[in-house]
N, C-alpha and C. Protein backbone atom coordinates (compact mmCIF):
# COMPACT_ATOMS: atom_id res chain seq x y z
N MET A 1 129.34 -11.09 44.04
CA MET A 1 129.60 -10.29 45.21
C MET A 1 129.27 -8.83 44.91
N GLY A 2 129.08 -8.06 45.96
CA GLY A 2 128.87 -6.64 45.81
C GLY A 2 127.43 -6.21 46.00
N LYS A 3 127.19 -4.96 45.63
CA LYS A 3 125.88 -4.34 45.82
C LYS A 3 125.04 -4.50 44.56
N TRP A 4 123.76 -4.84 44.76
CA TRP A 4 122.79 -4.98 43.69
C TRP A 4 121.60 -4.08 44.02
N VAL A 5 121.13 -3.33 43.03
CA VAL A 5 120.01 -2.40 43.23
C VAL A 5 118.97 -2.66 42.15
N GLY A 6 117.71 -2.62 42.55
CA GLY A 6 116.65 -2.82 41.58
C GLY A 6 115.30 -2.53 42.17
N SER A 7 114.31 -3.23 41.64
CA SER A 7 112.95 -2.97 42.09
C SER A 7 112.13 -4.24 42.03
N TYR A 8 110.98 -4.19 42.70
CA TYR A 8 110.01 -5.28 42.63
C TYR A 8 108.67 -4.69 42.26
N GLU A 9 107.87 -5.46 41.52
CA GLU A 9 106.56 -5.00 41.04
C GLU A 9 105.55 -6.12 41.21
N GLY A 10 104.29 -5.77 41.11
CA GLY A 10 103.20 -6.73 41.24
C GLY A 10 102.12 -6.13 42.11
N ASN A 11 101.63 -6.89 43.10
CA ASN A 11 100.63 -6.37 44.02
C ASN A 11 101.18 -5.23 44.87
N GLU A 12 102.49 -5.20 45.04
CA GLU A 12 103.20 -4.11 45.71
C GLU A 12 104.40 -3.78 44.83
N SER A 13 104.97 -2.60 45.01
CA SER A 13 106.18 -2.26 44.25
C SER A 13 107.07 -1.39 45.11
N GLY A 14 108.34 -1.37 44.77
CA GLY A 14 109.29 -0.56 45.52
C GLY A 14 110.71 -0.87 45.14
N THR A 15 111.62 -0.31 45.91
CA THR A 15 113.05 -0.46 45.69
C THR A 15 113.58 -1.68 46.44
N LEU A 16 114.52 -2.35 45.83
CA LEU A 16 115.15 -3.53 46.40
C LEU A 16 116.66 -3.35 46.33
N ILE A 17 117.35 -3.45 47.46
CA ILE A 17 118.80 -3.29 47.51
C ILE A 17 119.37 -4.46 48.31
N ILE A 18 120.31 -5.19 47.70
CA ILE A 18 120.94 -6.28 48.44
C ILE A 18 122.46 -6.18 48.31
N SER A 19 123.14 -6.77 49.27
CA SER A 19 124.59 -6.87 49.25
C SER A 19 124.96 -8.34 49.37
N VAL A 20 125.77 -8.81 48.42
CA VAL A 20 126.19 -10.21 48.40
C VAL A 20 127.63 -10.29 48.89
N GLN A 21 127.83 -11.05 49.96
CA GLN A 21 129.16 -11.23 50.54
C GLN A 21 129.91 -12.34 49.82
N LYS A 22 131.22 -12.41 49.99
CA LYS A 22 132.05 -13.45 49.38
C LYS A 22 131.56 -14.84 49.79
N SER A 23 131.05 -14.97 51.00
CA SER A 23 130.54 -16.24 51.52
C SER A 23 129.25 -16.68 50.83
N GLY A 24 128.61 -15.74 50.09
CA GLY A 24 127.32 -16.03 49.46
C GLY A 24 126.14 -15.53 50.27
N ASN A 25 126.40 -15.05 51.48
CA ASN A 25 125.31 -14.50 52.30
C ASN A 25 124.80 -13.20 51.70
N ILE A 26 123.50 -12.99 51.82
CA ILE A 26 122.84 -11.80 51.29
C ILE A 26 122.16 -11.05 52.43
N THR A 27 122.37 -9.74 52.47
CA THR A 27 121.61 -8.87 53.35
C THR A 27 121.11 -7.71 52.50
N GLY A 28 120.04 -7.08 52.94
CA GLY A 28 119.53 -5.95 52.17
C GLY A 28 118.24 -5.43 52.72
N THR A 29 117.62 -4.54 51.93
CA THR A 29 116.36 -3.92 52.32
C THR A 29 115.43 -3.85 51.12
N TYR A 30 114.13 -3.74 51.43
CA TYR A 30 113.14 -3.56 50.37
C TYR A 30 112.04 -2.66 50.88
N GLY A 31 111.36 -2.00 49.95
CA GLY A 31 110.16 -1.24 50.25
C GLY A 31 110.38 0.08 50.93
N PRO A 32 109.28 0.81 51.14
CA PRO A 32 109.36 2.16 51.70
C PRO A 32 109.82 2.20 53.15
N ASN A 33 109.66 1.10 53.87
CA ASN A 33 110.09 1.06 55.28
C ASN A 33 111.46 0.42 55.45
N ASN A 34 112.13 0.15 54.34
CA ASN A 34 113.46 -0.48 54.37
C ASN A 34 113.51 -1.72 55.25
N GLU A 35 112.55 -2.61 55.04
CA GLU A 35 112.53 -3.85 55.80
C GLU A 35 113.68 -4.73 55.37
N MET A 36 114.17 -5.55 56.29
CA MET A 36 115.37 -6.34 56.06
C MET A 36 115.12 -7.59 55.23
N VAL A 37 116.09 -7.90 54.38
CA VAL A 37 116.12 -9.13 53.60
C VAL A 37 117.38 -9.89 54.01
N ILE A 38 117.26 -11.19 54.28
CA ILE A 38 118.41 -12.01 54.64
C ILE A 38 118.30 -13.33 53.89
N SER A 39 119.37 -13.74 53.19
CA SER A 39 119.36 -15.02 52.48
C SER A 39 120.77 -15.37 52.04
N SER A 40 120.85 -16.21 51.00
CA SER A 40 122.14 -16.57 50.42
C SER A 40 121.95 -16.93 48.96
N VAL A 41 123.07 -16.92 48.23
CA VAL A 41 123.06 -17.27 46.81
C VAL A 41 123.95 -18.49 46.62
N ARG A 42 123.51 -19.42 45.76
CA ARG A 42 124.29 -20.62 45.47
C ARG A 42 125.34 -20.32 44.40
N ASP A 43 126.28 -21.23 44.20
CA ASP A 43 127.34 -21.05 43.22
C ASP A 43 126.81 -20.85 41.80
N ASP A 44 125.64 -21.44 41.50
CA ASP A 44 125.06 -21.31 40.16
C ASP A 44 124.27 -20.01 39.98
N GLY A 45 124.28 -19.14 40.98
CA GLY A 45 123.59 -17.85 40.90
C GLY A 45 122.17 -17.88 41.40
N ALA A 46 121.62 -19.07 41.68
CA ALA A 46 120.24 -19.17 42.15
C ALA A 46 120.15 -18.72 43.61
N LEU A 47 119.08 -18.01 43.91
CA LEU A 47 118.85 -17.56 45.28
C LEU A 47 118.21 -18.66 46.11
N ASN A 48 118.71 -18.83 47.32
CA ASN A 48 117.96 -19.60 48.29
C ASN A 48 116.83 -18.67 48.70
N PRO A 49 115.62 -19.18 48.98
CA PRO A 49 114.51 -18.28 49.27
C PRO A 49 114.90 -17.20 50.27
N VAL A 50 114.68 -15.96 49.87
CA VAL A 50 115.07 -14.82 50.68
C VAL A 50 113.97 -14.50 51.67
N LEU A 51 114.30 -14.54 52.94
CA LEU A 51 113.32 -14.26 53.99
C LEU A 51 113.58 -12.88 54.58
N SER A 52 112.53 -12.09 54.74
CA SER A 52 112.66 -10.81 55.42
C SER A 52 112.20 -10.99 56.86
N ASP A 53 112.31 -9.93 57.64
CA ASP A 53 111.87 -9.97 59.03
C ASP A 53 110.36 -10.09 59.10
N THR A 54 109.65 -9.00 58.81
CA THR A 54 108.19 -8.99 58.85
C THR A 54 107.69 -7.95 57.88
N PRO A 55 106.71 -8.20 57.10
CA PRO A 55 106.09 -9.50 56.85
C PRO A 55 107.04 -10.37 56.03
N ILE A 56 106.66 -11.60 55.78
CA ILE A 56 107.53 -12.52 55.07
C ILE A 56 107.57 -12.15 53.58
N PHE A 57 108.74 -11.78 53.10
CA PHE A 57 108.98 -11.41 51.70
C PHE A 57 109.91 -12.47 51.13
N LEU A 58 109.40 -13.35 50.30
CA LEU A 58 110.17 -14.43 49.74
C LEU A 58 110.57 -14.11 48.31
N MET A 59 111.85 -14.27 47.99
CA MET A 59 112.35 -14.03 46.64
C MET A 59 112.84 -15.34 46.05
N TYR A 60 112.53 -15.54 44.77
CA TYR A 60 113.00 -16.69 44.02
C TYR A 60 113.60 -16.17 42.74
N GLY A 61 114.65 -16.81 42.25
CA GLY A 61 115.23 -16.37 40.99
C GLY A 61 116.72 -16.56 40.96
N SER A 62 117.38 -15.77 40.11
CA SER A 62 118.81 -15.94 39.86
C SER A 62 119.49 -14.59 39.71
N LEU A 63 120.66 -14.45 40.34
CA LEU A 63 121.45 -13.24 40.14
C LEU A 63 122.13 -13.25 38.79
N ILE A 64 122.32 -14.41 38.20
CA ILE A 64 122.90 -14.47 36.85
C ILE A 64 121.90 -13.89 35.85
N GLN A 65 120.62 -14.25 35.99
CA GLN A 65 119.58 -13.70 35.11
C GLN A 65 119.12 -12.32 35.56
N LYS A 66 119.46 -11.94 36.79
CA LYS A 66 119.14 -10.63 37.38
C LYS A 66 117.64 -10.40 37.50
N LYS A 67 116.86 -11.48 37.66
CA LYS A 67 115.42 -11.34 37.80
C LYS A 67 114.84 -12.56 38.49
N GLY A 68 113.59 -12.42 38.89
CA GLY A 68 112.90 -13.53 39.53
C GLY A 68 111.52 -13.11 39.97
N THR A 69 110.96 -13.88 40.88
CA THR A 69 109.62 -13.59 41.40
C THR A 69 109.68 -13.43 42.91
N TRP A 70 108.63 -12.83 43.46
CA TRP A 70 108.54 -12.68 44.90
C TRP A 70 107.13 -13.00 45.35
N LYS A 71 107.01 -13.36 46.64
CA LYS A 71 105.72 -13.60 47.28
C LYS A 71 105.75 -12.98 48.67
N ASN A 72 104.63 -12.45 49.09
CA ASN A 72 104.48 -11.86 50.42
C ASN A 72 103.05 -12.12 50.85
N LYS A 73 102.85 -13.17 51.63
CA LYS A 73 101.51 -13.63 52.01
C LYS A 73 100.70 -13.89 50.75
N ASP A 74 99.62 -13.14 50.51
CA ASP A 74 98.78 -13.37 49.33
C ASP A 74 99.16 -12.47 48.15
N LYS A 75 100.26 -11.73 48.28
CA LYS A 75 100.71 -10.84 47.21
C LYS A 75 101.90 -11.47 46.50
N GLN A 76 102.08 -11.10 45.22
CA GLN A 76 103.21 -11.65 44.46
C GLN A 76 103.55 -10.74 43.30
N GLY A 77 104.68 -11.01 42.68
CA GLY A 77 105.10 -10.22 41.53
C GLY A 77 106.47 -10.64 41.06
N SER A 78 107.18 -9.71 40.43
CA SER A 78 108.50 -9.99 39.89
C SER A 78 109.49 -8.98 40.41
N TRP A 79 110.77 -9.31 40.32
CA TRP A 79 111.83 -8.39 40.71
C TRP A 79 112.94 -8.42 39.67
N THR A 80 113.69 -7.31 39.61
CA THR A 80 114.88 -7.23 38.77
C THR A 80 115.97 -6.50 39.57
N LEU A 81 117.23 -6.88 39.32
CA LEU A 81 118.36 -6.26 40.00
C LEU A 81 119.46 -5.97 38.98
N THR A 82 120.27 -4.96 39.27
CA THR A 82 121.45 -4.64 38.48
C THR A 82 122.63 -4.53 39.42
N LYS A 83 123.75 -5.14 39.04
CA LYS A 83 124.96 -5.06 39.89
C LYS A 83 125.55 -3.66 39.77
N GLN A 84 125.89 -3.09 40.90
CA GLN A 84 126.49 -1.74 40.95
C GLN A 84 128.00 -1.81 40.88
C-alpha cells in the first residue's frame, strides 16, 4: 500500500508515480503529460497488466522486486519504483 515513485526507460523515458490502495487497486500517472495509469496488484506483489487511458501503456512486473517491463504500442522498456 501507499505511494510509489520511480521511472521508466527504453524507447521513451519519464517519471512514474502510482498509489496502491488497501484493496490492491492502483492509480497513478506517467510521463510528461501525466497520463493516467489504472490497474491492480495481486497478493504475491505481481502487477495485473497496468492500462493507461491513451495511448496504451502496459506494465508488467512486481512491486516486491520493484521493477518490471513496459510496452506502449511498438515501444518498450523497463521500469523501477521505490516505496515512499
